[in-house]
Amino acid sequence: MQIHALKGYIENIYLVEEPAGLLLLDGCSRADVARVCEFITVTLHRPLSDLTLILVTHMHPDHAGGAALLRHRTGARIASHPKAQHWYKGLAGRTAHVIDVALTWWVAGRMGKPKAHIWYHPVLTPNILLQDKQTLPGFSDWQVLYTPGHTDHDLSVLHQATGQIYIADLIVAVKGQLTAPYPVCHPNQYKRALTRLRELNPTRIYCAHVKPLNGDSIDFDTLIAQAPALPKNHWHSAKNRIGHVLRRQTTRH
């Protein structure tokens, strides 16, 4: 088993190579599809049909945006948590999807990258629905872990034989310091996810926005202590701003 690291539009992409096939540890962004396909055919000298499974850890643009197009080009199946299909449904969901695409462009701009085509359908149609502790179809060494908090459907995936784990956005870095991601929609679940990760004692941790980390190098107690106590997302931020403006106006009068 080999884990290949590719630099994506704004995220790290991890492609698992095994004799039986290729596993993409997240659906990347739409802007990354050509890069992934080229890596498979040119660097690995394997046909695109060898990509047999695409894991979508959650529905944000840099984790789900390329999944459907990659499925179309390779024939791979898409796997996700059942709740992923509902994340962007309805008017509020569609609004959040537009905001998340815009935030992806904003992050890309901060990284000095041009605006790329990253729009994708907000409702996922997975071939496989994954539950906690299930192993990945066709990749039985990889175990699914339900680690919500960032969203209500986040997945991590553990390679049981080596103790290596991919956690997507469970941990990010700001100014070189490890911290919680934005948003954190479910703070209590997020802290439980971090606690579960600590108890797994992984050998190596792969993140979407942080370079690979040794498991024993992370101060989980500090991360848990500093994690948000209240939700931090678009709606709560907007509500807090509106409340702040109203309080200022009330004080003036």
C-alpha atoms as a PDB file:
ATOM      1  CA  MET A   1       0.000   0.000   0.000  1.00  0.00           C
ATOM      2  CA  GLN A   2       1.289   3.427  -0.967  1.00  0.00           C
ATOM      3  CA  ILE A   3      -0.213   6.836  -0.223  1.00  0.00           C
ATOM      4  CA  HIS A   4       0.568   9.389  -2.920  1.00  0.00           C
ATOM      5  CA  ALA A   5       0.258  13.087  -2.044  1.00  0.00           C
ATOM      6  CA  LEU A   6      -0.833  15.580  -4.704  1.00  0.00           C
ATOM      7  CA  LYS A   7      -1.137  19.327  -4.291  1.00  0.00           C
ATOM      8  CA  GLY A   8      -4.704  20.328  -5.043  1.00  0.00           C
ATOM      9  CA  TYR A   9      -6.341  23.675  -5.725  1.00  0.00           C
ATOM     10  CA  ILE A  10      -6.446  24.617  -2.037  1.00  0.00           C
ATOM     11  CA  GLU A  11      -6.075  21.206  -0.360  1.00  0.00           C
ATOM     12  CA  ASN A  12      -3.862  18.160  -0.117  1.00  0.00           C
ATOM     13  CA  ILE A  13      -5.056  15.194  -2.179  1.00  0.00           C
ATOM     14  CA  TYR A  14      -4.232  11.657  -1.113  1.00  0.00           C
ATOM     15  CA  LEU A  15      -4.438   8.764  -3.548  1.00  0.00           C
ATOM     16  CA  VAL A  16      -3.974   5.250  -2.197  1.00  0.00           C
ATOM     17  CA  GLU A  17      -2.349   2.753  -4.529  1.00  0.00           C
ATOM     18  CA  GLU A  18      -2.841  -0.959  -4.012  1.00  0.00           C
ATOM     19  CA  PRO A  19      -2.378  -3.819  -6.470  1.00  0.00           C
ATOM     20  CA  ALA A  20      -6.144  -4.323  -6.608  1.00  0.00           C
ATOM     21  CA  GLY A  21      -6.931  -0.680  -7.413  1.00  0.00           C
ATOM     22  CA  LEU A  22      -6.752   2.970  -6.476  1.00  0.00           C
ATOM     23  CA  LEU A  23      -8.629   4.720  -3.681  1.00  0.00           C
ATOM     24  CA  LEU A  24      -9.066   8.505  -3.563  1.00  0.00           C
ATOM     25  CA  LEU A  25      -9.293   9.565   0.069  1.00  0.00           C
ATOM     26  CA  ASP A  26     -11.467  12.585  -0.747  1.00  0.00           C
ATOM     27  CA  GLY A  27     -13.413  13.933  -3.696  1.00  0.00           C
ATOM     28  CA  CYS A  28     -11.109  17.000  -4.110  1.00  0.00           C
ATOM     29  CA  SER A  29     -12.331  20.052  -6.044  1.00  0.00           C
ATOM     30  CA  ARG A  30     -13.530  20.181  -9.608  1.00  0.00           C
ATOM     31  CA  ALA A  31     -10.367  22.098 -10.503  1.00  0.00           C
ATOM     32  CA  ASP A  32      -8.297  19.060  -9.451  1.00  0.00           C
ATOM     33  CA  VAL A  33      -9.915  16.422 -11.669  1.00  0.00           C
ATOM     34  CA  ALA A  34      -7.480  16.757 -14.586  1.00  0.00           C
ATOM     35  CA  ARG A  35      -4.521  16.663 -12.174  1.00  0.00           C
ATOM     36  CA  VAL A  36      -5.717  13.440 -10.560  1.00  0.00           C
ATOM     37  CA  CYS A  37      -6.370  11.784 -13.915  1.00  0.00           C
ATOM     38  CA  GLU A  38      -2.953  12.807 -15.244  1.00  0.00           C
ATOM     39  CA  PHE A  39      -1.225  11.469 -12.133  1.00  0.00           C
ATOM     40  CA  ILE A  40      -2.930   8.090 -12.550  1.00  0.00           C
ATOM     41  CA  THR A  41      -2.145   7.693 -16.235  1.00  0.00           C
ATOM     42  CA  VAL A  42       1.225   9.473 -16.576  1.00  0.00           C
ATOM     43  CA  THR A  43       2.911   9.027 -13.200  1.00  0.00           C
ATOM     44  CA  LEU A  44       1.483   5.688 -12.090  1.00  0.00           C
ATOM     45  CA  HIS A  45       1.084   4.299 -15.637  1.00  0.00           C
ATOM     46  CA  ARG A  46      -2.299   2.846 -14.746  1.00  0.00           C
ATOM     47  CA  PRO A  47      -5.621   3.140 -16.590  1.00  0.00           C
ATOM     48  CA  LEU A  48      -8.242   5.511 -15.200  1.00  0.00           C
ATOM     49  CA  SER A  49     -10.471   2.494 -14.593  1.00  0.00           C
ATOM     50  CA  ASP A  50      -8.076   1.456 -11.795  1.00  0.00           C
ATOM     51  CA  LEU A  51      -9.591   4.232  -9.671  1.00  0.00           C
ATOM     52  CA  THR A  52     -12.372   2.163  -8.144  1.00  0.00           C
ATOM     53  CA  LEU A  53     -13.478   4.146  -5.076  1.00  0.00           C
ATOM     54  CA  ILE A  54     -13.774   7.841  -4.226  1.00  0.00           C
ATOM     55  CA  LEU A  55     -14.394   8.705  -0.586  1.00  0.00           C
ATOM     56  CA  VAL A  56     -16.234  11.972   0.093  1.00  0.00           C
ATOM     57  CA  THR A  57     -15.535  12.907   3.712  1.00  0.00           C
ATOM     58  CA  HIS A  58     -17.924  15.880   3.622  1.00  0.00           C
ATOM     59  CA  MET A  59     -19.626  18.112   1.086  1.00  0.00           C
ATOM     60  CA  HIS A  60     -17.442  21.223   0.988  1.00  0.00           C
ATOM     61  CA  PRO A  61     -16.113  22.238  -2.468  1.00  0.00           C
ATOM     62  CA  ASP A  62     -12.547  21.015  -1.908  1.00  0.00           C
ATOM     63  CA  HIS A  63     -13.736  17.603  -0.697  1.00  0.00           C
ATOM     64  CA  ALA A  64     -16.724  16.778  -2.895  1.00  0.00           C
ATOM     65  CA  GLY A  65     -16.450  19.074  -5.899  1.00  0.00           C
ATOM     66  CA  GLY A  66     -14.543  16.693  -8.158  1.00  0.00           C
ATOM     67  CA  ALA A  67     -16.236  13.436  -7.165  1.00  0.00           C
ATOM     68  CA  ALA A  68     -19.028  13.298  -9.750  1.00  0.00           C
ATOM     69  CA  LEU A  69     -16.769  14.294 -12.656  1.00  0.00           C
ATOM     70  CA  LEU A  70     -14.133  11.767 -11.593  1.00  0.00           C
ATOM     71  CA  ARG A  71     -16.815   9.082 -11.430  1.00  0.00           C
ATOM     72  CA  HIS A  72     -17.872   9.999 -14.955  1.00  0.00           C
ATOM     73  CA  ARG A  73     -14.295   9.794 -16.284  1.00  0.00           C
ATOM     74  CA  THR A  74     -13.125   6.685 -14.423  1.00  0.00           C
ATOM     75  CA  GLY A  75     -16.160   4.612 -13.526  1.00  0.00           C
ATOM     76  CA  ALA A  76     -15.221   4.731  -9.836  1.00  0.00           C
ATOM     77  CA  ARG A  77     -17.902   4.483  -7.178  1.00  0.00           C
ATOM     78  CA  ILE A  78     -18.511   7.321  -4.696  1.00  0.00           C
ATOM     79  CA  ALA A  79     -18.864   6.554  -0.989  1.00  0.00           C
ATOM     80  CA  SER A  80     -20.063   8.938   1.729  1.00  0.00           C
ATOM     81  CA  HIS A  81     -21.995   9.149   4.979  1.00  0.00           C
ATOM     82  CA  PRO A  82     -25.803   9.074   4.477  1.00  0.00           C
ATOM     83  CA  LYS A  83     -26.202  12.634   5.787  1.00  0.00           C
ATOM     84  CA  ALA A  84     -23.931  14.048   3.061  1.00  0.00           C
ATOM     85  CA  GLN A  85     -26.777  13.935   0.541  1.00  0.00           C
ATOM     86  CA  HIS A  86     -28.829  16.384   2.607  1.00  0.00           C
ATOM     87  CA  TRP A  87     -26.178  18.957   3.547  1.00  0.00           C
ATOM     88  CA  TYR A  88     -26.955  21.470   0.783  1.00  0.00           C
ATOM     89  CA  LYS A  89     -30.641  20.705   0.281  1.00  0.00           C
ATOM     90  CA  GLY A  90     -33.323  23.390   0.505  1.00  0.00           C
ATOM     91  CA  LEU A  91     -33.006  27.162   0.253  1.00  0.00           C
ATOM     92  CA  ALA A  92     -30.682  27.436   3.249  1.00  0.00           C
ATOM     93  CA  GLY A  93     -28.523  24.634   1.893  1.00  0.00           C
ATOM     94  CA  ARG A  94     -28.266  26.183  -1.565  1.00  0.00           C
ATOM     95  CA  THR A  95     -27.305  29.501   0.000  1.00  0.00           C
ATOM     96  CA  ALA A  96     -24.624  27.803   2.085  1.00  0.00           C
ATOM     97  CA  HIS A  97     -23.302  26.076  -1.046  1.00  0.00           C
ATOM     98  CA  VAL A  98     -22.860  29.408  -2.842  1.00  0.00           C
ATOM     99  CA  ILE A  99     -21.108  30.848   0.211  1.00  0.00           C
ATOM    100  CA  ASP A 100     -18.792  27.842   0.459  1.00  0.00           C
ATOM    101  CA  VAL A 101     -17.814  28.089  -3.216  1.00  0.00           C
ATOM    102  CA  ALA A 102     -17.099  31.788  -2.729  1.00  0.00           C
ATOM    103  CA  LEU A 103     -15.016  31.028   0.377  1.00  0.00           C
ATOM    104  CA  THR A 104     -13.001  28.489  -1.624  1.00  0.00           C
ATOM    105  CA  TRP A 105     -12.192  31.167  -4.201  1.00  0.00           C
ATOM    106  CA  TRP A 106     -11.275  33.545  -1.374  1.00  0.00           C
ATOM    107  CA  VAL A 107      -8.858  30.990   0.114  1.00  0.00           C
ATOM    108  CA  ALA A 108      -7.368  30.348  -3.333  1.00  0.00           C
ATOM    109  CA  GLY A 109      -6.840  34.091  -3.763  1.00  0.00           C
ATOM    110  CA  ARG A 110      -5.065  34.264  -0.410  1.00  0.00           C
ATOM    111  CA  MET A 111      -2.801  31.474  -1.657  1.00  0.00           C
ATOM    112  CA  GLY A 112      -2.024  33.454  -4.824  1.00  0.00           C
ATOM    113  CA  LYS A 113      -4.013  31.179  -7.111  1.00  0.00           C
ATOM    114  CA  PRO A 114      -6.350  32.353  -9.887  1.00  0.00           C
ATOM    115  CA  LYS A 115     -10.071  31.748  -9.788  1.00  0.00           C
ATOM    116  CA  ALA A 116     -10.781  28.295 -11.252  1.00  0.00           C
ATOM    117  CA  HIS A 117     -13.962  26.508 -12.282  1.00  0.00           C
ATOM    118  CA  ILE A 118     -15.017  24.749  -9.073  1.00  0.00           C
ATOM    119  CA  TRP A 119     -18.815  24.798  -9.321  1.00  0.00           C
ATOM    120  CA  TYR A 120     -20.427  21.392  -8.749  1.00  0.00           C
ATOM    121  CA  HIS A 121     -23.883  20.016  -8.063  1.00  0.00           C
ATOM    122  CA  PRO A 122     -24.714  20.597  -4.385  1.00  0.00           C
ATOM    123  CA  VAL A 123     -26.582  17.303  -3.925  1.00  0.00           C
ATOM    124  CA  LEU A 124     -24.380  14.208  -3.919  1.00  0.00           C
ATOM    125  CA  THR A 125     -25.592  10.890  -5.339  1.00  0.00           C
ATOM    126  CA  PRO A 126     -23.268   8.326  -3.729  1.00  0.00           C
ATOM    127  CA  ASN A 127     -23.102   4.710  -4.830  1.00  0.00           C
ATOM    128  CA  ILE A 128     -22.210   3.533  -1.325  1.00  0.00           C
ATOM    129  CA  LEU A 129     -23.387   4.773   2.064  1.00  0.00           C
ATOM    130  CA  LEU A 130     -20.894   4.342   4.876  1.00  0.00           C
ATOM    131  CA  GLN A 131     -21.477   3.854   8.576  1.00  0.00           C
ATOM    132  CA  ASP A 132     -19.119   4.102  11.538  1.00  0.00           C
ATOM    133  CA  LYS A 133     -16.574   1.244  11.835  1.00  0.00           C
ATOM    134  CA  GLN A 134     -17.433  -0.167   8.406  1.00  0.00           C
ATOM    135  CA  THR A 135     -14.535  -1.094   6.141  1.00  0.00           C
ATOM    136  CA  LEU A 136     -14.263   0.406   2.676  1.00  0.00           C
ATOM    137  CA  PRO A 137     -15.583  -1.862  -0.108  1.00  0.00           C
ATOM    138  CA  GLY A 138     -12.628  -3.281  -1.999  1.00  0.00           C
ATOM    139  CA  PHE A 139     -10.159  -1.844   0.532  1.00  0.00           C
ATOM    140  CA  SER A 140     -10.758  -3.909   3.643  1.00  0.00           C
ATOM    141  CA  ASP A 141      -7.707  -2.555   5.520  1.00  0.00           C
ATOM    142  CA  TRP A 142      -9.366   0.865   5.650  1.00  0.00           C
ATOM    143  CA  GLN A 143     -11.937   1.459   8.392  1.00  0.00           C
ATOM    144  CA  VAL A 144     -14.473   4.278   8.333  1.00  0.00           C
ATOM    145  CA  LEU A 145     -14.820   6.498  11.393  1.00  0.00           C
ATOM    146  CA  TYR A 146     -17.740   8.881  11.847  1.00  0.00           C
ATOM    147  CA  THR A 147     -16.139  12.090  13.182  1.00  0.00           C
ATOM    148  CA  PRO A 148     -18.762  14.876  12.926  1.00  0.00           C
ATOM    149  CA  GLY A 149     -18.412  18.402  14.229  1.00  0.00           C
ATOM    150  CA  HIS A 150     -17.067  20.385  11.281  1.00  0.00           C
ATOM    151  CA  THR A 151     -20.305  19.264   9.563  1.00  0.00           C
ATOM    152  CA  ASP A 152     -22.892  16.681  10.599  1.00  0.00           C
ATOM    153  CA  HIS A 153     -21.472  14.004   8.283  1.00  0.00           C
ATOM    154  CA  ASP A 154     -17.656  14.126   8.491  1.00  0.00           C
ATOM    155  CA  LEU A 155     -15.785  10.892   7.944  1.00  0.00           C
ATOM    156  CA  SER A 156     -12.213   9.912   8.716  1.00  0.00           C
ATOM    157  CA  VAL A 157     -10.612   6.703   7.478  1.00  0.00           C
ATOM    158  CA  LEU A 158      -8.039   4.562   9.292  1.00  0.00           C
ATOM    159  CA  HIS A 159      -5.581   2.148   7.702  1.00  0.00           C
ATOM    160  CA  GLN A 160      -5.770  -0.510  10.392  1.00  0.00           C
ATOM    161  CA  ALA A 161      -2.575  -2.366   9.480  1.00  0.00           C
ATOM    162  CA  THR A 162      -0.305   0.683   9.837  1.00  0.00           C
ATOM    163  CA  GLY A 163      -2.262   3.062  12.096  1.00  0.00           C
ATOM    164  CA  GLN A 164      -2.284   5.840   9.474  1.00  0.00           C
ATOM    165  CA  ILE A 165      -5.420   7.958   9.310  1.00  0.00           C
ATOM    166  CA  TYR A 166      -6.880  10.609   6.996  1.00  0.00           C
ATOM    167  CA  ILE A 167      -9.001  13.147   8.905  1.00  0.00           C
ATOM    168  CA  ALA A 168      -9.852  15.723   6.194  1.00  0.00           C
ATOM    169  CA  ASP A 169     -10.665  19.013   8.014  1.00  0.00           C
ATOM    170  CA  LEU A 170     -10.792  17.740  11.581  1.00  0.00           C
ATOM    171  CA  ILE A 171      -7.611  19.732  12.268  1.00  0.00           C
ATOM    172  CA  VAL A 172      -6.331  22.773  10.360  1.00  0.00           C
ATOM    173  CA  ALA A 173      -3.547  25.291  10.970  1.00  0.00           C
ATOM    174  CA  VAL A 174      -3.715  29.061  11.386  1.00  0.00           C
ATOM    175  CA  LYS A 175      -0.412  30.947  11.472  1.00  0.00           C
ATOM    176  CA  GLY A 176       1.391  27.672  12.000  1.00  0.00           C
ATOM    177  CA  GLN A 177      -0.723  26.613  14.982  1.00  0.00           C
ATOM    178  CA  LEU A 178      -3.014  23.583  14.882  1.00  0.00           C
ATOM    179  CA  THR A 179      -6.612  24.523  15.577  1.00  0.00           C
ATOM    180  CA  ALA A 180     -10.252  23.759  14.876  1.00  0.00           C
ATOM    181  CA  PRO A 181     -11.615  24.305  11.353  1.00  0.00           C
ATOM    182  CA  TYR A 182     -14.231  26.787  10.210  1.00  0.00           C
ATOM    183  CA  PRO A 183     -17.062  26.078  10.466  1.00  0.00           C
ATOM    184  CA  VAL A 184     -17.626  23.996  13.575  1.00  0.00           C
ATOM    185  CA  CYS A 185     -21.331  23.286  13.362  1.00  0.00           C
ATOM    186  CA  HIS A 186     -21.547  20.858  16.279  1.00  0.00           C
ATOM    187  CA  PRO A 187     -19.012  21.771  18.997  1.00  0.00           C
ATOM    188  CA  ASN A 188     -19.727  18.880  21.360  1.00  0.00           C
ATOM    189  CA  GLN A 189     -19.498  16.324  18.568  1.00  0.00           C
ATOM    190  CA  TYR A 190     -16.300  17.960  17.364  1.00  0.00           C
ATOM    191  CA  LYS A 191     -14.668  17.589  20.778  1.00  0.00           C
ATOM    192  CA  ARG A 192     -15.759  13.956  20.935  1.00  0.00           C
ATOM    193  CA  ALA A 193     -14.214  13.395  17.480  1.00  0.00           C
ATOM    194  CA  LEU A 194     -10.893  14.835  18.689  1.00  0.00           C
ATOM    195  CA  THR A 195     -11.073  12.675  21.805  1.00  0.00           C
ATOM    196  CA  ARG A 196     -11.695   9.605  19.682  1.00  0.00           C
ATOM    197  CA  LEU A 197      -8.742  10.476  17.455  1.00  0.00           C
ATOM    198  CA  ARG A 198      -6.492  10.862  20.496  1.00  0.00           C
ATOM    199  CA  GLU A 199      -7.582   7.482  21.861  1.00  0.00           C
ATOM    200  CA  LEU A 200      -6.814   5.783  18.534  1.00  0.00           C
ATOM    201  CA  ASN A 201      -3.169   6.795  18.983  1.00  0.00           C
ATOM    202  CA  PRO A 202      -2.504   6.900  15.221  1.00  0.00           C
ATOM    203  CA  THR A 203       1.019   6.667  13.869  1.00  0.00           C
ATOM    204  CA  ARG A 204       0.530   9.178  11.077  1.00  0.00           C
ATOM    205  CA  ILE A 205      -2.234  11.737  10.477  1.00  0.00           C
ATOM    206  CA  TYR A 206      -3.086  13.100   7.044  1.00  0.00           C
ATOM    207  CA  CYS A 207      -5.054  16.355   6.851  1.00  0.00           C
ATOM    208  CA  ALA A 208      -6.497  18.242   3.917  1.00  0.00           C
ATOM    209  CA  HIS A 209      -4.846  21.538   4.856  1.00  0.00           C
ATOM    210  CA  VAL A 210      -1.875  20.587   7.035  1.00  0.00           C
ATOM    211  CA  LYS A 211       1.216  18.603   6.115  1.00  0.00           C
ATOM    212  CA  PRO A 212       1.234  14.992   7.432  1.00  0.00           C
ATOM    213  CA  LEU A 213       1.729  14.793  11.182  1.00  0.00           C
ATOM    214  CA  ASN A 214       3.080  12.173  13.547  1.00  0.00           C
ATOM    215  CA  GLY A 215       0.339  11.155  15.938  1.00  0.00           C
ATOM    216  CA  ASP A 216       2.477  11.717  19.032  1.00  0.00           C
ATOM    217  CA  SER A 217       3.317  15.291  17.966  1.00  0.00           C
ATOM    218  CA  ILE A 218      -0.213  16.637  18.500  1.00  0.00           C
ATOM    219  CA  ASP A 219      -1.329  18.194  21.781  1.00  0.00           C
ATOM    220  CA  PHE A 220      -4.899  16.902  21.726  1.00  0.00           C
ATOM    221  CA  ASP A 221      -5.689  18.198  25.217  1.00  0.00           C
ATOM    222  CA  THR A 222      -4.978  21.762  24.102  1.00  0.00           C
ATOM    223  CA  LEU A 223      -6.942  21.338  20.867  1.00  0.00           C
ATOM    224  CA  ILE A 224      -9.945  20.054  22.800  1.00  0.00           C
ATOM    225  CA  ALA A 225      -9.691  22.789  25.439  1.00  0.00           C
ATOM    226  CA  GLN A 226      -9.476  25.524  22.789  1.00  0.00           C
ATOM    227  CA  ALA A 227     -12.239  24.117  20.561  1.00  0.00           C
ATOM    228  CA  PRO A 228     -15.343  26.324  20.223  1.00  0.00           C
ATOM    229  CA  ALA A 229     -17.992  25.950  22.893  1.00  0.00           C
ATOM    230  CA  LEU A 230     -20.696  27.357  20.598  1.00  0.00           C
ATOM    231  CA  PRO A 231     -21.326  26.765  16.880  1.00  0.00           C
ATOM    232  CA  LYS A 232     -19.179  28.773  14.471  1.00  0.00           C
ATOM    233  CA  ASN A 233     -20.722  28.837  11.009  1.00  0.00           C
ATOM    234  CA  HIS A 234     -22.228  31.209   8.425  1.00  0.00           C
ATOM    235  CA  TRP A 235     -25.618  31.472  10.131  1.00  0.00           C
ATOM    236  CA  HIS A 236     -24.329  32.036  13.649  1.00  0.00           C
ATOM    237  CA  SER A 237     -21.778  34.566  12.388  1.00  0.00           C
ATOM    238  CA  ALA A 238     -24.477  36.496  10.544  1.00  0.00           C
ATOM    239  CA  LYS A 239     -26.789  36.329  13.555  1.00  0.00           C
ATOM    240  CA  ASN A 240     -24.041  37.628  15.850  1.00  0.00           C
ATOM    241  CA  ARG A 241     -23.228  40.509  13.482  1.00  0.00           C
ATOM    242  CA  ILE A 242     -26.889  41.510  13.223  1.00  0.00           C
ATOM    243  CA  GLY A 243     -27.257  41.297  17.005  1.00  0.00           C
ATOM    244  CA  HIS A 244     -24.159  43.448  17.469  1.00  0.00           C
ATOM    245  CA  VAL A 245     -25.503  46.122  15.109  1.00  0.00           C
ATOM    246  CA  LEU A 246     -28.905  46.135  16.827  1.00  0.00           C
ATOM    247  CA  ARG A 247     -27.317  46.420  20.265  1.00  0.00           C
ATOM    248  CA  ARG A 248     -25.214  49.379  19.124  1.00  0.00           C
ATOM    249  CA  GLN A 249     -28.282  51.121  17.684  1.00  0.00           C
ATOM    250  CA  THR A 250     -30.219  50.493  20.889  1.00  0.00           C
ATOM    251  CA  THR A 251     -27.379  51.899  22.970  1.00  0.00           C
ATOM    252  CA  ARG A 252     -27.220  55.053  20.825  1.00  0.00           C
ATOM    253  CA  HIS A 253     -30.923  55.700  21.325  1.00  0.00           C
END
